[in-house]
PDB file of N, CA and C in Angstrom:
ATOM      1  N   MET A   1     -13.670  38.023  -3.534  1.00  0.00           N
ATOM      2  CA  MET A   1     -12.889  36.806  -3.733  1.00  0.00           C
ATOM      3  C   MET A   1     -13.849  35.610  -3.781  1.00  0.00           C
ATOM      4  N   THR A   2     -13.670  34.758  -4.775  1.00  0.00           N
ATOM      5  CA  THR A   2     -14.537  33.590  -4.920  1.00  0.00           C
ATOM      6  C   THR A   2     -14.182  32.537  -3.861  1.00  0.00           C
ATOM      7  N   PRO A   3     -15.092  31.617  -3.602  1.00  0.00           N
ATOM      8  CA  PRO A   3     -14.780  30.543  -2.649  1.00  0.00           C
ATOM      9  C   PRO A   3     -13.533  29.749  -3.062  1.00  0.00           C
ATOM     10  N   GLU A   4     -13.355  29.536  -4.363  1.00  0.00           N
ATOM     11  CA  GLU A   4     -12.188  28.795  -4.837  1.00  0.00           C
ATOM     12  C   GLU A   4     -10.901  29.560  -4.535  1.00  0.00           C
ATOM     13  N   GLU A   5     -10.958  30.857  -4.708  1.00  0.00           N
ATOM     14  CA  GLU A   5      -9.786  31.693  -4.421  1.00  0.00           C
ATOM     15  C   GLU A   5      -9.498  31.714  -2.920  1.00  0.00           C
ATOM     16  N   GLN A   6     -10.535  31.708  -2.109  1.00  0.00           N
ATOM     17  CA  GLN A   6     -10.351  31.668  -0.666  1.00  0.00           C
ATOM     18  C   GLN A   6      -9.692  30.350  -0.250  1.00  0.00           C
ATOM     19  N   ILE A   7     -10.171  29.268  -0.841  1.00  0.00           N
ATOM     20  CA  ILE A   7      -9.578  27.953  -0.541  1.00  0.00           C
ATOM     21  C   ILE A   7      -8.113  27.933  -0.970  1.00  0.00           C
ATOM     22  N   ALA A   8      -7.827  28.439  -2.154  1.00  0.00           N
ATOM     23  CA  ALA A   8      -6.446  28.475  -2.638  1.00  0.00           C
ATOM     24  C   ALA A   8      -5.567  29.294  -1.704  1.00  0.00           C
ATOM     25  N   GLU A   9      -6.075  30.409  -1.240  1.00  0.00           N
ATOM     26  CA  GLU A   9      -5.323  31.269  -0.322  1.00  0.00           C
ATOM     27  C   GLU A   9      -5.032  30.533   0.985  1.00  0.00           C
ATOM     28  N   LEU A  10      -6.031  29.863   1.513  1.00  0.00           N
ATOM     29  CA  LEU A  10      -5.843  29.100   2.746  1.00  0.00           C
ATOM     30  C   LEU A  10      -4.845  27.956   2.559  1.00  0.00           C
ATOM     31  N   MET A  11      -4.920  27.304   1.420  1.00  0.00           N
ATOM     32  CA  MET A  11      -4.002  26.192   1.146  1.00  0.00           C
ATOM     33  C   MET A  11      -2.557  26.673   1.051  1.00  0.00           C
ATOM     34  N   ARG A  12      -2.359  27.867   0.509  1.00  0.00           N
ATOM     35  CA  ARG A  12      -0.996  28.415   0.424  1.00  0.00           C
ATOM     36  C   ARG A  12      -0.404  28.655   1.803  1.00  0.00           C
ATOM     37  N   GLU A  13      -1.250  28.873   2.788  1.00  0.00           N
ATOM     38  CA  GLU A  13      -0.781  29.137   4.150  1.00  0.00           C
ATOM     39  C   GLU A  13      -0.411  27.867   4.906  1.00  0.00           C
ATOM     40  N   LEU A  14      -0.839  26.726   4.399  1.00  0.00           N
ATOM     41  CA  LEU A  14      -0.531  25.456   5.068  1.00  0.00           C
ATOM     42  C   LEU A  14       0.960  25.143   4.956  1.00  0.00           C
ATOM     43  N   PRO A  15       1.509  24.477   5.977  1.00  0.00           N
ATOM     44  CA  PRO A  15       2.915  24.062   5.872  1.00  0.00           C
ATOM     45  C   PRO A  15       3.058  22.955   4.827  1.00  0.00           C
ATOM     46  N   ALA A  16       4.244  22.806   4.315  1.00  0.00           N
ATOM     47  CA  ALA A  16       4.525  21.740   3.351  1.00  0.00           C
ATOM     48  C   ALA A  16       4.346  20.384   4.040  1.00  0.00           C
ATOM     49  N   PRO A  17       3.866  19.382   3.302  1.00  0.00           N
ATOM     50  CA  PRO A  17       3.728  18.048   3.910  1.00  0.00           C
ATOM     51  C   PRO A  17       5.101  17.455   4.198  1.00  0.00           C
ATOM     52  N   PRO A  18       5.170  16.561   5.174  1.00  0.00           N
ATOM     53  CA  PRO A  18       6.446  15.892   5.463  1.00  0.00           C
ATOM     54  C   PRO A  18       6.947  15.132   4.230  1.00  0.00           C
ATOM     55  N   VAL A  19       8.253  15.076   4.087  1.00  0.00           N
ATOM     56  CA  VAL A  19       8.871  14.402   2.943  1.00  0.00           C
ATOM     57  C   VAL A  19       8.423  12.942   2.874  1.00  0.00           C
ATOM     58  N   GLY A  20       8.288  12.291   4.003  1.00  0.00           N
ATOM     59  CA  GLY A  20       7.856  10.897   4.032  1.00  0.00           C
ATOM     60  C   GLY A  20       6.488  10.703   3.408  1.00  0.00           C
ATOM     61  N   TRP A  21       5.594  11.651   3.607  1.00  0.00           N
ATOM     62  CA  TRP A  21       4.255  11.567   3.013  1.00  0.00           C
ATOM     63  C   TRP A  21       4.342  11.673   1.501  1.00  0.00           C
ATOM     64  N   ILE A  22       5.187  12.554   1.042  1.00  0.00           N
ATOM     65  CA  ILE A  22       5.341  12.751  -0.405  1.00  0.00           C
ATOM     66  C   ILE A  22       5.898  11.487  -1.046  1.00  0.00           C
ATOM     67  N   GLU A  23       6.930  10.918  -0.427  1.00  0.00           N
ATOM     68  CA  GLU A  23       7.533   9.691  -0.957  1.00  0.00           C
ATOM     69  C   GLU A  23       6.532   8.544  -0.944  1.00  0.00           C
ATOM     70  N   ALA A  24       5.761   8.422   0.142  1.00  0.00           N
ATOM     71  CA  ALA A  24       4.764   7.350   0.223  1.00  0.00           C
ATOM     72  C   ALA A  24       3.709   7.503  -0.869  1.00  0.00           C
ATOM     73  N   ALA A  25       3.295   8.731  -1.125  1.00  0.00           N
ATOM     74  CA  ALA A  25       2.295   8.975  -2.173  1.00  0.00           C
ATOM     75  C   ALA A  25       2.837   8.599  -3.547  1.00  0.00           C
ATOM     76  N   LYS A  26       4.117   8.842  -3.775  1.00  0.00           N
ATOM     77  CA  LYS A  26       4.726   8.481  -5.060  1.00  0.00           C
ATOM     78  C   LYS A  26       4.789   6.969  -5.246  1.00  0.00           C
ATOM     79  N   GLU A  27       4.992   6.243  -4.144  1.00  0.00           N
ATOM     80  CA  GLU A  27       5.137   4.788  -4.206  1.00  0.00           C
ATOM     81  C   GLU A  27       3.793   4.058  -4.234  1.00  0.00           C
ATOM     82  N   LEU A  28       2.731   4.722  -3.866  1.00  0.00           N
ATOM     83  CA  LEU A  28       1.432   4.070  -3.727  1.00  0.00           C
ATOM     84  C   LEU A  28       0.961   3.316  -4.970  1.00  0.00           C
ATOM     85  N   PRO A  29       1.027   3.886  -6.173  1.00  0.00           N
ATOM     86  CA  PRO A  29       0.570   3.120  -7.346  1.00  0.00           C
ATOM     87  C   PRO A  29       1.353   1.816  -7.554  1.00  0.00           C
ATOM     88  N   THR A  30       2.648   1.853  -7.340  1.00  0.00           N
ATOM     89  CA  THR A  30       3.468   0.650  -7.498  1.00  0.00           C
ATOM     90  C   THR A  30       3.099  -0.394  -6.464  1.00  0.00           C
ATOM     91  N   VAL A  31       2.936   0.032  -5.226  1.00  0.00           N
ATOM     92  CA  VAL A  31       2.582  -0.903  -4.156  1.00  0.00           C
ATOM     93  C   VAL A  31       1.214  -1.526  -4.425  1.00  0.00           C
ATOM     94  N   ARG A  32       0.275  -0.736  -4.896  1.00  0.00           N
ATOM     95  CA  ARG A  32      -1.052  -1.283  -5.209  1.00  0.00           C
ATOM     96  C   ARG A  32      -0.971  -2.348  -6.297  1.00  0.00           C
ATOM     97  N   ARG A  33      -0.170  -2.094  -7.328  1.00  0.00           N
ATOM     98  CA  ARG A  33      -0.003  -3.093  -8.397  1.00  0.00           C
ATOM     99  C   ARG A  33       0.625  -4.366  -7.844  1.00  0.00           C
ATOM    100  N   GLU A  34       1.646  -4.212  -6.978  1.00  0.00           N
ATOM    101  CA  GLU A  34       2.292  -5.380  -6.386  1.00  0.00           C
ATOM    102  C   GLU A  34       1.308  -6.177  -5.539  1.00  0.00           C
ATOM    103  N   LEU A  35       0.500  -5.478  -4.746  1.00  0.00           N
ATOM    104  CA  LEU A  35      -0.488  -6.166  -3.915  1.00  0.00           C
ATOM    105  C   LEU A  35      -1.534  -6.876  -4.768  1.00  0.00           C
ATOM    106  N   ASP A  36      -1.979  -6.236  -5.824  1.00  0.00           N
ATOM    107  CA  ASP A  36      -2.939  -6.876  -6.725  1.00  0.00           C
ATOM    108  C   ASP A  36      -2.352  -8.143  -7.332  1.00  0.00           C
ATOM    109  N   THR A  37      -1.092  -8.073  -7.733  1.00  0.00           N
ATOM    110  CA  THR A  37      -0.411  -9.236  -8.311  1.00  0.00           C
ATOM    111  C   THR A  37      -0.317 -10.361  -7.291  1.00  0.00           C
ATOM    112  N   ILE A  38       0.043 -10.015  -6.058  1.00  0.00           N
ATOM    113  CA  ILE A  38       0.155 -11.029  -5.007  1.00  0.00           C
ATOM    114  C   ILE A  38      -1.210 -11.639  -4.713  1.00  0.00           C
ATOM    115  N   LEU A  39      -2.243 -10.813  -4.631  1.00  0.00           N
ATOM    116  CA  LEU A  39      -3.587 -11.341  -4.366  1.00  0.00           C
ATOM    117  C   LEU A  39      -4.057 -12.268  -5.483  1.00  0.00           C
ATOM    118  N   GLU A  40      -3.784 -11.912  -6.718  1.00  0.00           N
ATOM    119  CA  GLU A  40      -4.150 -12.782  -7.844  1.00  0.00           C
ATOM    120  C   GLU A  40      -3.413 -14.113  -7.759  1.00  0.00           C
ATOM    121  N   ARG A  41      -2.145 -14.031  -7.391  1.00  0.00           N
ATOM    122  CA  ARG A  41      -1.346 -15.260  -7.285  1.00  0.00           C
ATOM    123  C   ARG A  41      -1.846 -16.134  -6.140  1.00  0.00           C
ATOM    124  N   ILE A  42      -2.237 -15.512  -5.032  1.00  0.00           N
ATOM    125  CA  ILE A  42      -2.783 -16.270  -3.903  1.00  0.00           C
ATOM    126  C   ILE A  42      -4.037 -17.023  -4.332  1.00  0.00           C
ATOM    127  N   GLU A  43      -4.861 -16.384  -5.147  1.00  0.00           N
ATOM    128  CA  GLU A  43      -6.114 -17.009  -5.592  1.00  0.00           C
ATOM    129  C   GLU A  43      -5.894 -18.177  -6.541  1.00  0.00           C
ATOM    130  N   ARG A  44      -4.882 -18.088  -7.382  1.00  0.00           N
ATOM    131  CA  ARG A  44      -4.718 -19.135  -8.401  1.00  0.00           C
ATOM    132  C   ARG A  44      -3.653 -20.188  -8.071  1.00  0.00           C
ATOM    133  N   ASP A  45      -2.785 -19.923  -7.078  1.00  0.00           N
ATOM    134  CA  ASP A  45      -1.672 -20.825  -6.770  1.00  0.00           C
ATOM    135  C   ASP A  45      -1.775 -21.282  -5.315  1.00  0.00           C
ATOM    136  N   GLU A  46      -2.270 -22.499  -5.133  1.00  0.00           N
ATOM    137  CA  GLU A  46      -2.499 -23.037  -3.784  1.00  0.00           C
ATOM    138  C   GLU A  46      -1.210 -23.102  -2.965  1.00  0.00           C
ATOM    139  N   ARG A  47      -0.113 -23.503  -3.594  1.00  0.00           N
ATOM    140  CA  ARG A  47       1.170 -23.596  -2.865  1.00  0.00           C
ATOM    141  C   ARG A  47       1.613 -22.217  -2.396  1.00  0.00           C
ATOM    142  N   PHE A  48       1.475 -21.214  -3.240  1.00  0.00           N
ATOM    143  CA  PHE A  48       1.845 -19.850  -2.856  1.00  0.00           C
ATOM    144  C   PHE A  48       0.960 -19.381  -1.707  1.00  0.00           C
ATOM    145  N   ARG A  49      -0.333 -19.707  -1.772  1.00  0.00           N
ATOM    146  CA  ARG A  49      -1.246 -19.339  -0.682  1.00  0.00           C
ATOM    147  C   ARG A  49      -0.801 -19.972   0.629  1.00  0.00           C
ATOM    148  N   GLU A  50      -0.382 -21.229   0.579  1.00  0.00           N
ATOM    149  CA  GLU A  50       0.106 -21.903   1.788  1.00  0.00           C
ATOM    150  C   GLU A  50       1.321 -21.181   2.357  1.00  0.00           C
ATOM    151  N   LEU A  51       2.239 -20.753   1.488  1.00  0.00           N
ATOM    152  CA  LEU A  51       3.425 -20.009   1.938  1.00  0.00           C
ATOM    153  C   LEU A  51       3.030 -18.690   2.590  1.00  0.00           C
ATOM    154  N   VAL A  52       2.082 -18.007   1.968  1.00  0.00           N
ATOM    155  CA  VAL A  52       1.621 -16.718   2.501  1.00  0.00           C
ATOM    156  C   VAL A  52       0.974 -16.910   3.868  1.00  0.00           C
ATOM    157  N   VAL A  53       0.134 -17.918   3.991  1.00  0.00           N
ATOM    158  CA  VAL A  53      -0.542 -18.169   5.264  1.00  0.00           C
ATOM    159  C   VAL A  53       0.471 -18.575   6.327  1.00  0.00           C
ATOM    160  N   ALA A  54       1.457 -19.380   5.961  1.00  0.00           N
ATOM    161  CA  ALA A  54       2.458 -19.849   6.922  1.00  0.00           C
ATOM    162  C   ALA A  54       3.366 -18.727   7.410  1.00  0.00           C
ATOM    163  N   ASP A  55       3.806 -17.854   6.512  1.00  0.00           N
ATOM    164  CA  ASP A  55       4.711 -16.766   6.908  1.00  0.00           C
ATOM    165  C   ASP A  55       4.598 -15.629   5.898  1.00  0.00           C
ATOM    166  N   LEU A  56       3.607 -14.790   6.103  1.00  0.00           N
ATOM    167  CA  LEU A  56       3.314 -13.711   5.173  1.00  0.00           C
ATOM    168  C   LEU A  56       4.508 -12.783   4.986  1.00  0.00           C
ATOM    169  N   GLU A  57       5.120 -12.351   6.081  1.00  0.00           N
ATOM    170  CA  GLU A  57       6.211 -11.391   5.984  1.00  0.00           C
ATOM    171  C   GLU A  57       7.399 -11.945   5.193  1.00  0.00           C
ATOM    172  N   ALA A  58       7.768 -13.190   5.465  1.00  0.00           N
ATOM    173  CA  ALA A  58       8.892 -13.797   4.744  1.00  0.00           C
ATOM    174  C   ALA A  58       8.566 -13.962   3.262  1.00  0.00           C
ATOM    175  N   THR A  59       7.340 -14.341   2.962  1.00  0.00           N
ATOM    176  CA  THR A  59       6.935 -14.508   1.564  1.00  0.00           C
ATOM    177  C   THR A  59       6.968 -13.170   0.843  1.00  0.00           C
ATOM    178  N   LEU A  60       6.502 -12.115   1.499  1.00  0.00           N
ATOM    179  CA  LEU A  60       6.563 -10.790   0.884  1.00  0.00           C
ATOM    180  C   LEU A  60       8.003 -10.385   0.594  1.00  0.00           C
ATOM    181  N   ARG A  61       8.873 -10.579   1.576  1.00  0.00           N
ATOM    182  CA  ARG A  61      10.297 -10.243   1.360  1.00  0.00           C
ATOM    183  C   ARG A  61      10.866 -11.026   0.182  1.00  0.00           C
ATOM    184  N   ALA A  62      10.523 -12.311   0.105  1.00  0.00           N
ATOM    185  CA  ALA A  62      11.013 -13.146  -0.996  1.00  0.00           C
ATOM    186  C   ALA A  62      10.503 -12.639  -2.343  1.00  0.00           C
ATOM    187  N   GLU A  63       9.346 -11.991  -2.337  1.00  0.00           N
ATOM    188  CA  GLU A  63       8.770 -11.433  -3.567  1.00  0.00           C
ATOM    189  C   GLU A  63       9.249 -10.013  -3.830  1.00  0.00           C
ATOM    190  N   GLY A  64      10.104  -9.491  -2.934  1.00  0.00           N
ATOM    191  CA  GLY A  64      10.632  -8.142  -3.122  1.00  0.00           C
ATOM    192  C   GLY A  64       9.716  -7.034  -2.647  1.00  0.00           C
ATOM    193  N   VAL A  65       8.768  -7.381  -1.764  1.00  0.00           N
ATOM    194  CA  VAL A  65       7.822  -6.401  -1.236  1.00  0.00           C
ATOM    195  C   VAL A  65       8.116  -6.199   0.247  1.00  0.00           C
ATOM    196  N   GLU A  66       8.276  -4.962   0.652  1.00  0.00           N
ATOM    197  CA  GLU A  66       8.525  -4.644   2.058  1.00  0.00           C
ATOM    198  C   GLU A  66       7.252  -4.921   2.862  1.00  0.00           C
ATOM    199  N   PRO A  67       7.335  -5.784   3.886  1.00  0.00           N
ATOM    200  CA  PRO A  67       6.144  -6.124   4.666  1.00  0.00           C
ATOM    201  C   PRO A  67       5.821  -5.068   5.722  1.00  0.00           C
ATOM    202  N   THR A  68       5.407  -3.901   5.266  1.00  0.00           N
ATOM    203  CA  THR A  68       5.039  -2.837   6.198  1.00  0.00           C
ATOM    204  C   THR A  68       3.741  -3.226   6.904  1.00  0.00           C
ATOM    205  N   PRO A  69       3.459  -2.617   8.043  1.00  0.00           N
ATOM    206  CA  PRO A  69       2.213  -2.949   8.748  1.00  0.00           C
ATOM    207  C   PRO A  69       0.960  -2.765   7.884  1.00  0.00           C
ATOM    208  N   VAL A  70       0.940  -1.743   7.054  1.00  0.00           N
ATOM    209  CA  VAL A  70      -0.229  -1.502   6.204  1.00  0.00           C
ATOM    210  C   VAL A  70      -0.368  -2.613   5.158  1.00  0.00           C
ATOM    211  N   VAL A  71       0.730  -2.990   4.534  1.00  0.00           N
ATOM    212  CA  VAL A  71       0.708  -4.054   3.514  1.00  0.00           C
ATOM    213  C   VAL A  71       0.276  -5.370   4.141  1.00  0.00           C
ATOM    214  N   VAL A  72       0.862  -5.699   5.287  1.00  0.00           N
ATOM    215  CA  VAL A  72       0.537  -6.954   5.961  1.00  0.00           C
ATOM    216  C   VAL A  72      -0.934  -6.986   6.364  1.00  0.00           C
ATOM    217  N   ALA A  73      -1.429  -5.895   6.939  1.00  0.00           N
ATOM    218  CA  ALA A  73      -2.840  -5.847   7.352  1.00  0.00           C
ATOM    219  C   ALA A  73      -3.764  -5.989   6.153  1.00  0.00           C
ATOM    220  N   HIS A  74      -3.431  -5.331   5.069  1.00  0.00           N
ATOM    221  CA  HIS A  74      -4.257  -5.410   3.850  1.00  0.00           C
ATOM    222  C   HIS A  74      -4.332  -6.855   3.346  1.00  0.00           C
ATOM    223  N   LEU A  75      -3.197  -7.517   3.267  1.00  0.00           N
ATOM    224  CA  LEU A  75      -3.193  -8.892   2.752  1.00  0.00           C
ATOM    225  C   LEU A  75      -3.854  -9.846   3.736  1.00  0.00           C
ATOM    226  N   ARG A  76      -3.645  -9.650   5.027  1.00  0.00           N
ATOM    227  CA  ARG A  76      -4.279 -10.541   6.013  1.00  0.00           C
ATOM    228  C   ARG A  76      -5.810 -10.474   5.898  1.00  0.00           C
ATOM    229  N   ARG A  77      -6.347  -9.293   5.645  1.00  0.00           N
ATOM    230  CA  ARG A  77      -7.809  -9.172   5.478  1.00  0.00           C
ATOM    231  C   ARG A  77      -8.290  -9.989   4.289  1.00  0.00           C
ATOM    232  N   HIS A  78      -7.454 -10.080   3.258  1.00  0.00           N
ATOM    233  CA  HIS A  78      -7.868 -10.788   2.044  1.00  0.00           C
ATOM    234  C   HIS A  78      -7.625 -12.295   2.102  1.00  0.00           C
ATOM    235  N   ILE A  79      -6.741 -12.740   2.987  1.00  0.00           N
ATOM    236  CA  ILE A  79      -6.465 -14.174   3.062  1.00  0.00           C
ATOM    237  C   ILE A  79      -7.156 -14.833   4.233  1.00  0.00           C
ATOM    238  N   ALA A  80      -7.838 -14.045   5.049  1.00  0.00           N
ATOM    239  CA  ALA A  80      -8.543 -14.621   6.202  1.00  0.00           C
ATOM    240  C   ALA A  80      -9.611 -15.572   5.711  1.00  0.00           C
ATOM    241  N   PRO A  81      -9.762 -16.705   6.413  1.00  0.00           N
ATOM    242  CA  PRO A  81     -10.778 -17.683   5.999  1.00  0.00           C
ATOM    243  C   PRO A  81     -12.191 -17.151   6.134  1.00  0.00           C
TER     244      PRO A  81
END
């Protein structure tokens, strides 16, 4: 048996990933695009940046983005002075 076949065999024995992980993986490309759009807007729109700095979570909700801890932490790293 080749190493690739051994790996495939071992992978078949693993339990299925939790449904939440699968759903999160499906949403990841969309969330990344939304975050990129928000970051670009923060850079070019001073008023929007002020809103984000004043209340990031509320601004995200207003933009239709769920302010999950990961999203908030990611944006805070990019808006920190």
